[in-house]
Amino acid sequence: EVQLQASGGGLVQPGGFLRLSCAFSSGRHAIGWFRQAPGKEREVVSCIGANDGSTYYADSVEGRFTISSDNAKNTVYLSMHDLKPEDTAKYYCAAADMKYGCLGRLYEYWGQGTQVTVSS
């Protein structure tokens, strides 16, 4: 199966910046970033299509976060600007067998996640 590894999390102050990386084993897949805070439901943060470059952002992060990909490195990034305490969560990347777009399909493969904590 597809293996994924999320990295780049850490502790930052409000207004800070982090770039998360998602390295996956092979192939072209739609890649999604999800997050889950304690006591909260897991939510989609952003995703990017495998071939068409389409992207999606949750309303809570649009304008602050940017998703990008480096196909040669089999890596997808999530650049997070102007971080807020409510962004605190464990962030997971996942892959879906989807040719175009990045929504509407089950994300079958998941990484272990990386913790992001935003606190003063």
N, C-alpha and C. Protein backbone atom coordinates (compact mmCIF):
# COMPACT_ATOMS: atom_id res chain seq x y z
N GLU A 1 0.82 -1.17 0.00
CA GLU A 1 0.00 0.00 0.00
C GLU A 1 0.87 1.25 0.00
N VAL A 2 0.24 2.38 -0.28
CA VAL A 2 0.94 3.65 -0.29
C VAL A 2 1.31 4.03 1.15
N GLN A 3 2.56 4.40 1.35
CA GLN A 3 3.01 4.87 2.66
C GLN A 3 3.23 6.38 2.62
N LEU A 4 2.84 7.05 3.68
CA LEU A 4 2.98 8.49 3.78
C LEU A 4 3.62 8.86 5.11
N GLN A 5 4.41 9.93 5.09
CA GLN A 5 5.05 10.42 6.29
C GLN A 5 4.90 11.93 6.37
N ALA A 6 4.20 12.39 7.38
CA ALA A 6 4.05 13.82 7.62
C ALA A 6 5.13 14.30 8.58
N SER A 7 5.65 15.49 8.33
CA SER A 7 6.68 16.05 9.18
C SER A 7 6.60 17.57 9.14
N GLY A 8 7.33 18.22 10.03
CA GLY A 8 7.43 19.67 10.04
C GLY A 8 6.65 20.38 11.12
N GLY A 9 5.91 19.64 11.91
CA GLY A 9 5.15 20.25 12.99
C GLY A 9 6.05 20.76 14.10
N GLY A 10 5.44 21.50 15.01
CA GLY A 10 6.19 22.04 16.12
C GLY A 10 5.38 23.05 16.89
N LEU A 11 6.06 23.76 17.78
CA LEU A 11 5.45 24.79 18.61
C LEU A 11 5.81 26.16 18.06
N VAL A 12 4.80 26.97 17.77
CA VAL A 12 5.01 28.33 17.27
C VAL A 12 4.08 29.29 17.99
N GLN A 13 4.45 30.56 17.97
CA GLN A 13 3.61 31.60 18.56
C GLN A 13 2.56 32.07 17.56
N PRO A 14 1.45 32.62 18.03
CA PRO A 14 0.45 33.16 17.11
C PRO A 14 1.09 34.13 16.12
N GLY A 15 0.67 34.02 14.86
CA GLY A 15 1.25 34.82 13.80
C GLY A 15 2.45 34.19 13.14
N GLY A 16 2.88 33.05 13.64
CA GLY A 16 4.06 32.39 13.12
C GLY A 16 3.81 31.59 11.87
N PHE A 17 4.86 30.92 11.42
CA PHE A 17 4.84 30.16 10.17
C PHE A 17 5.41 28.77 10.38
N LEU A 18 4.79 27.79 9.73
CA LEU A 18 5.32 26.44 9.64
C LEU A 18 5.06 25.90 8.25
N ARG A 19 5.95 25.05 7.76
CA ARG A 19 5.71 24.32 6.53
C ARG A 19 5.74 22.83 6.82
N LEU A 20 4.61 22.19 6.59
CA LEU A 20 4.51 20.75 6.75
C LEU A 20 4.84 20.05 5.45
N SER A 21 5.43 18.88 5.55
CA SER A 21 5.76 18.07 4.40
C SER A 21 5.07 16.72 4.49
N CYS A 22 4.64 16.22 3.35
CA CYS A 22 4.06 14.89 3.25
C CYS A 22 4.79 14.14 2.15
N ALA A 23 5.62 13.21 2.54
CA ALA A 23 6.34 12.37 1.58
C ALA A 23 5.58 11.07 1.41
N PHE A 24 5.33 10.68 0.16
CA PHE A 24 4.62 9.45 -0.09
C PHE A 24 5.45 8.54 -0.99
N SER A 25 5.14 7.25 -0.96
CA SER A 25 6.05 6.24 -1.50
C SER A 25 6.18 6.25 -3.01
N SER A 26 5.07 6.42 -3.74
CA SER A 26 5.13 6.33 -5.19
C SER A 26 3.80 6.73 -5.81
N GLY A 27 3.84 6.94 -7.12
CA GLY A 27 2.63 7.14 -7.91
C GLY A 27 2.07 8.54 -7.81
N ARG A 28 1.00 8.76 -8.55
CA ARG A 28 0.27 10.02 -8.52
C ARG A 28 -1.04 9.80 -7.78
N HIS A 29 -1.25 10.60 -6.76
CA HIS A 29 -2.45 10.50 -5.94
C HIS A 29 -2.95 11.89 -5.59
N ALA A 30 -4.24 11.99 -5.39
CA ALA A 30 -4.75 13.17 -4.70
C ALA A 30 -4.25 13.10 -3.25
N ILE A 31 -3.78 14.23 -2.74
CA ILE A 31 -3.25 14.28 -1.38
C ILE A 31 -4.07 15.28 -0.58
N GLY A 32 -4.50 14.85 0.58
CA GLY A 32 -5.26 15.71 1.46
C GLY A 32 -4.56 15.91 2.79
N TRP A 33 -4.71 17.11 3.34
CA TRP A 33 -4.27 17.40 4.70
C TRP A 33 -5.50 17.49 5.59
N PHE A 34 -5.47 16.75 6.67
CA PHE A 34 -6.55 16.72 7.65
C PHE A 34 -5.98 17.09 9.01
N ARG A 35 -6.83 17.56 9.90
CA ARG A 35 -6.37 17.83 11.25
C ARG A 35 -7.45 17.42 12.26
N GLN A 36 -6.98 17.10 13.45
CA GLN A 36 -7.89 16.74 14.51
C GLN A 36 -7.35 17.24 15.84
N ALA A 37 -8.15 18.03 16.53
CA ALA A 37 -7.83 18.50 17.86
C ALA A 37 -8.56 17.63 18.88
N PRO A 38 -8.05 17.53 20.12
CA PRO A 38 -8.72 16.72 21.13
C PRO A 38 -10.18 17.11 21.30
N GLY A 39 -11.06 16.11 21.29
CA GLY A 39 -12.48 16.34 21.46
C GLY A 39 -13.18 16.88 20.24
N LYS A 40 -12.47 17.04 19.14
CA LYS A 40 -13.06 17.58 17.92
C LYS A 40 -13.07 16.54 16.81
N GLU A 41 -13.97 16.72 15.87
CA GLU A 41 -14.05 15.85 14.71
C GLU A 41 -12.91 16.16 13.75
N ARG A 42 -12.39 15.15 13.11
CA ARG A 42 -11.38 15.35 12.09
C ARG A 42 -11.95 16.15 10.93
N GLU A 43 -11.18 17.10 10.43
CA GLU A 43 -11.66 17.95 9.36
C GLU A 43 -10.64 18.05 8.23
N VAL A 44 -11.14 18.28 7.03
CA VAL A 44 -10.28 18.53 5.88
C VAL A 44 -9.73 19.95 5.98
N VAL A 45 -8.43 20.09 5.84
CA VAL A 45 -7.78 21.39 5.83
C VAL A 45 -7.56 21.87 4.40
N SER A 46 -6.98 21.00 3.59
CA SER A 46 -6.65 21.33 2.21
C SER A 46 -6.40 20.06 1.44
N CYS A 47 -6.50 20.12 0.12
CA CYS A 47 -6.12 18.99 -0.70
C CYS A 47 -5.69 19.47 -2.07
N ILE A 48 -4.99 18.59 -2.79
CA ILE A 48 -4.50 18.92 -4.12
C ILE A 48 -4.68 17.72 -5.03
N GLY A 49 -5.10 17.97 -6.27
CA GLY A 49 -5.33 16.91 -7.22
C GLY A 49 -4.04 16.30 -7.74
N ALA A 50 -4.14 15.05 -8.19
CA ALA A 50 -2.97 14.32 -8.65
C ALA A 50 -2.42 14.85 -9.96
N ASN A 51 -3.30 15.25 -10.88
CA ASN A 51 -2.89 15.61 -12.23
C ASN A 51 -3.29 17.01 -12.68
N ASP A 52 -4.40 17.51 -12.20
CA ASP A 52 -4.92 18.77 -12.71
C ASP A 52 -4.53 19.99 -11.89
N GLY A 53 -3.85 19.77 -10.77
CA GLY A 53 -3.41 20.88 -9.94
C GLY A 53 -4.51 21.59 -9.18
N SER A 54 -5.71 21.03 -9.19
CA SER A 54 -6.80 21.66 -8.47
C SER A 54 -6.54 21.60 -6.97
N THR A 55 -7.02 22.60 -6.26
CA THR A 55 -6.82 22.68 -4.81
C THR A 55 -8.11 23.05 -4.11
N TYR A 56 -8.15 22.72 -2.85
CA TYR A 56 -9.27 23.07 -1.99
C TYR A 56 -8.72 23.52 -0.65
N TYR A 57 -9.38 24.52 -0.06
CA TYR A 57 -9.03 24.98 1.27
C TYR A 57 -10.28 25.14 2.12
N ALA A 58 -10.19 24.72 3.35
CA ALA A 58 -11.27 24.99 4.28
C ALA A 58 -11.38 26.49 4.50
N ASP A 59 -12.60 26.96 4.75
CA ASP A 59 -12.82 28.39 4.94
C ASP A 59 -11.94 28.96 6.05
N SER A 60 -11.68 28.17 7.07
CA SER A 60 -10.94 28.64 8.22
C SER A 60 -9.46 28.90 7.93
N VAL A 61 -8.94 28.35 6.83
CA VAL A 61 -7.52 28.50 6.52
C VAL A 61 -7.26 29.19 5.20
N GLU A 62 -8.27 29.36 4.37
CA GLU A 62 -8.06 29.98 3.06
C GLU A 62 -7.50 31.38 3.22
N GLY A 63 -6.48 31.69 2.43
CA GLY A 63 -5.80 32.97 2.53
C GLY A 63 -4.60 32.93 3.44
N ARG A 64 -4.50 31.91 4.27
CA ARG A 64 -3.36 31.76 5.18
C ARG A 64 -2.50 30.55 4.84
N PHE A 65 -3.13 29.47 4.38
CA PHE A 65 -2.41 28.24 4.07
C PHE A 65 -2.30 28.08 2.56
N THR A 66 -1.22 27.45 2.10
CA THR A 66 -1.02 27.15 0.70
C THR A 66 -0.52 25.73 0.55
N ILE A 67 -1.19 24.95 -0.31
CA ILE A 67 -0.74 23.60 -0.59
C ILE A 67 0.01 23.60 -1.91
N SER A 68 1.07 22.82 -1.98
CA SER A 68 1.88 22.73 -3.20
C SER A 68 2.48 21.34 -3.29
N SER A 69 2.98 21.00 -4.47
CA SER A 69 3.54 19.67 -4.67
C SER A 69 4.84 19.72 -5.44
N ASP A 70 5.67 18.75 -5.19
CA ASP A 70 6.91 18.53 -5.94
C ASP A 70 6.85 17.08 -6.39
N ASN A 71 6.39 16.86 -7.62
CA ASN A 71 6.18 15.50 -8.10
C ASN A 71 7.48 14.70 -8.19
N ALA A 72 8.58 15.37 -8.51
CA ALA A 72 9.86 14.68 -8.61
C ALA A 72 10.29 14.09 -7.27
N LYS A 73 9.87 14.72 -6.19
CA LYS A 73 10.23 14.27 -4.86
C LYS A 73 9.11 13.48 -4.17
N ASN A 74 8.00 13.30 -4.87
CA ASN A 74 6.84 12.64 -4.26
C ASN A 74 6.51 13.27 -2.91
N THR A 75 6.41 14.59 -2.92
CA THR A 75 6.19 15.32 -1.69
C THR A 75 5.16 16.42 -1.91
N VAL A 76 4.27 16.57 -0.96
CA VAL A 76 3.30 17.66 -0.93
C VAL A 76 3.54 18.48 0.32
N TYR A 77 3.44 19.80 0.18
CA TYR A 77 3.71 20.71 1.28
C TYR A 77 2.46 21.47 1.67
N LEU A 78 2.41 21.86 2.91
CA LEU A 78 1.38 22.77 3.39
C LEU A 78 2.07 23.91 4.12
N SER A 79 2.10 25.08 3.48
CA SER A 79 2.70 26.27 4.07
C SER A 79 1.63 26.99 4.87
N MET A 80 1.88 27.19 6.14
CA MET A 80 0.89 27.74 7.05
C MET A 80 1.40 29.07 7.59
N HIS A 81 0.74 30.14 7.17
CA HIS A 81 1.08 31.50 7.59
C HIS A 81 0.06 32.00 8.61
N ASP A 82 0.49 32.98 9.38
CA ASP A 82 -0.39 33.65 10.35
C ASP A 82 -1.14 32.62 11.20
N LEU A 83 -0.39 31.73 11.79
CA LEU A 83 -1.00 30.66 12.57
C LEU A 83 -1.73 31.21 13.80
N LYS A 84 -2.84 30.57 14.11
CA LYS A 84 -3.69 30.98 15.21
C LYS A 84 -3.82 29.83 16.21
N PRO A 85 -4.14 30.14 17.46
CA PRO A 85 -4.30 29.06 18.45
C PRO A 85 -5.30 28.00 18.01
N GLU A 86 -6.34 28.38 17.29
CA GLU A 86 -7.33 27.41 16.84
C GLU A 86 -6.81 26.48 15.75
N ASP A 87 -5.61 26.75 15.23
CA ASP A 87 -4.97 25.82 14.30
C ASP A 87 -4.29 24.66 15.01
N THR A 88 -4.20 24.73 16.32
CA THR A 88 -3.56 23.67 17.09
C THR A 88 -4.30 22.35 16.88
N ALA A 89 -3.57 21.34 16.43
CA ALA A 89 -4.14 20.03 16.13
C ALA A 89 -3.03 19.11 15.68
N LYS A 90 -3.36 17.84 15.59
CA LYS A 90 -2.48 16.91 14.92
C LYS A 90 -2.87 16.89 13.45
N TYR A 91 -1.89 17.09 12.59
CA TYR A 91 -2.12 17.18 11.16
C TYR A 91 -1.70 15.88 10.48
N TYR A 92 -2.58 15.36 9.65
CA TYR A 92 -2.34 14.12 8.93
C TYR A 92 -2.40 14.37 7.43
N CYS A 93 -1.56 13.69 6.68
CA CYS A 93 -1.72 13.68 5.24
C CYS A 93 -2.20 12.30 4.81
N ALA A 94 -2.96 12.28 3.73
CA ALA A 94 -3.56 11.05 3.25
C ALA A 94 -3.63 11.08 1.73
N ALA A 95 -3.71 9.90 1.14
CA ALA A 95 -3.74 9.75 -0.31
C ALA A 95 -5.02 9.07 -0.76
N ALA A 96 -5.53 9.52 -1.90
CA ALA A 96 -6.72 8.93 -2.50
C ALA A 96 -6.46 8.59 -3.95
N ASP A 97 -7.04 7.48 -4.40
CA ASP A 97 -6.93 7.07 -5.79
C ASP A 97 -7.96 7.84 -6.59
N MET A 98 -7.57 9.04 -7.02
CA MET A 98 -8.46 9.96 -7.69
C MET A 98 -7.68 10.67 -8.79
N LYS A 99 -8.16 10.60 -10.03
CA LYS A 99 -7.42 11.13 -11.15
C LYS A 99 -7.50 12.65 -11.23
N TYR A 100 -8.70 13.19 -11.04
CA TYR A 100 -8.91 14.63 -11.10
C TYR A 100 -9.62 15.10 -9.85
N GLY A 101 -9.30 16.31 -9.44
CA GLY A 101 -9.87 16.86 -8.23
C GLY A 101 -9.29 16.20 -7.00
N CYS A 102 -9.81 16.58 -5.84
CA CYS A 102 -9.32 15.98 -4.60
C CYS A 102 -10.41 15.80 -3.55
N LEU A 103 -11.65 15.99 -3.93
CA LEU A 103 -12.77 15.77 -3.03
C LEU A 103 -13.70 14.71 -3.61
N GLY A 104 -14.52 14.12 -2.75
CA GLY A 104 -15.53 13.19 -3.21
C GLY A 104 -15.09 11.75 -3.32
N ARG A 105 -13.92 11.45 -2.80
CA ARG A 105 -13.40 10.09 -2.86
C ARG A 105 -12.79 9.72 -1.51
N LEU A 106 -12.93 8.47 -1.13
CA LEU A 106 -12.37 8.00 0.13
C LEU A 106 -10.85 8.11 0.13
N TYR A 107 -10.31 8.67 1.19
CA TYR A 107 -8.86 8.69 1.38
C TYR A 107 -8.47 7.40 2.08
N GLU A 108 -7.81 6.55 1.33
CA GLU A 108 -7.55 5.18 1.76
C GLU A 108 -6.28 5.04 2.58
N TYR A 109 -5.27 5.85 2.27
CA TYR A 109 -3.96 5.69 2.89
C TYR A 109 -3.63 6.89 3.75
N TRP A 110 -3.13 6.62 4.96
CA TRP A 110 -2.89 7.68 5.95
C TRP A 110 -1.51 7.58 6.56
N GLY A 111 -0.91 8.73 6.83
CA GLY A 111 0.32 8.79 7.58
C GLY A 111 0.04 8.87 9.08
N GLN A 112 1.09 8.97 9.87
CA GLN A 112 0.96 8.98 11.32
C GLN A 112 0.69 10.36 11.90
N GLY A 113 0.91 11.40 11.13
CA GLY A 113 0.59 12.74 11.57
C GLY A 113 1.73 13.46 12.26
N THR A 114 1.60 14.78 12.34
CA THR A 114 2.58 15.62 13.00
C THR A 114 1.85 16.69 13.79
N GLN A 115 2.31 16.95 15.01
CA GLN A 115 1.62 17.86 15.91
C GLN A 115 1.99 19.31 15.64
N VAL A 116 0.98 20.16 15.54
CA VAL A 116 1.16 21.60 15.42
C VAL A 116 0.51 22.25 16.64
N THR A 117 1.30 23.01 17.38
CA THR A 117 0.79 23.72 18.54
C THR A 117 1.09 25.20 18.40
N VAL A 118 0.05 26.02 18.48
CA VAL A 118 0.18 27.47 18.36
C VAL A 118 -0.21 28.07 19.70
N SER A 119 0.75 28.65 20.38
CA SER A 119 0.52 29.16 21.73
C SER A 119 1.48 30.29 22.04
N SER A 120 1.00 31.26 22.82
CA SER A 120 1.83 32.35 23.27
C SER A 120 2.56 32.01 24.56
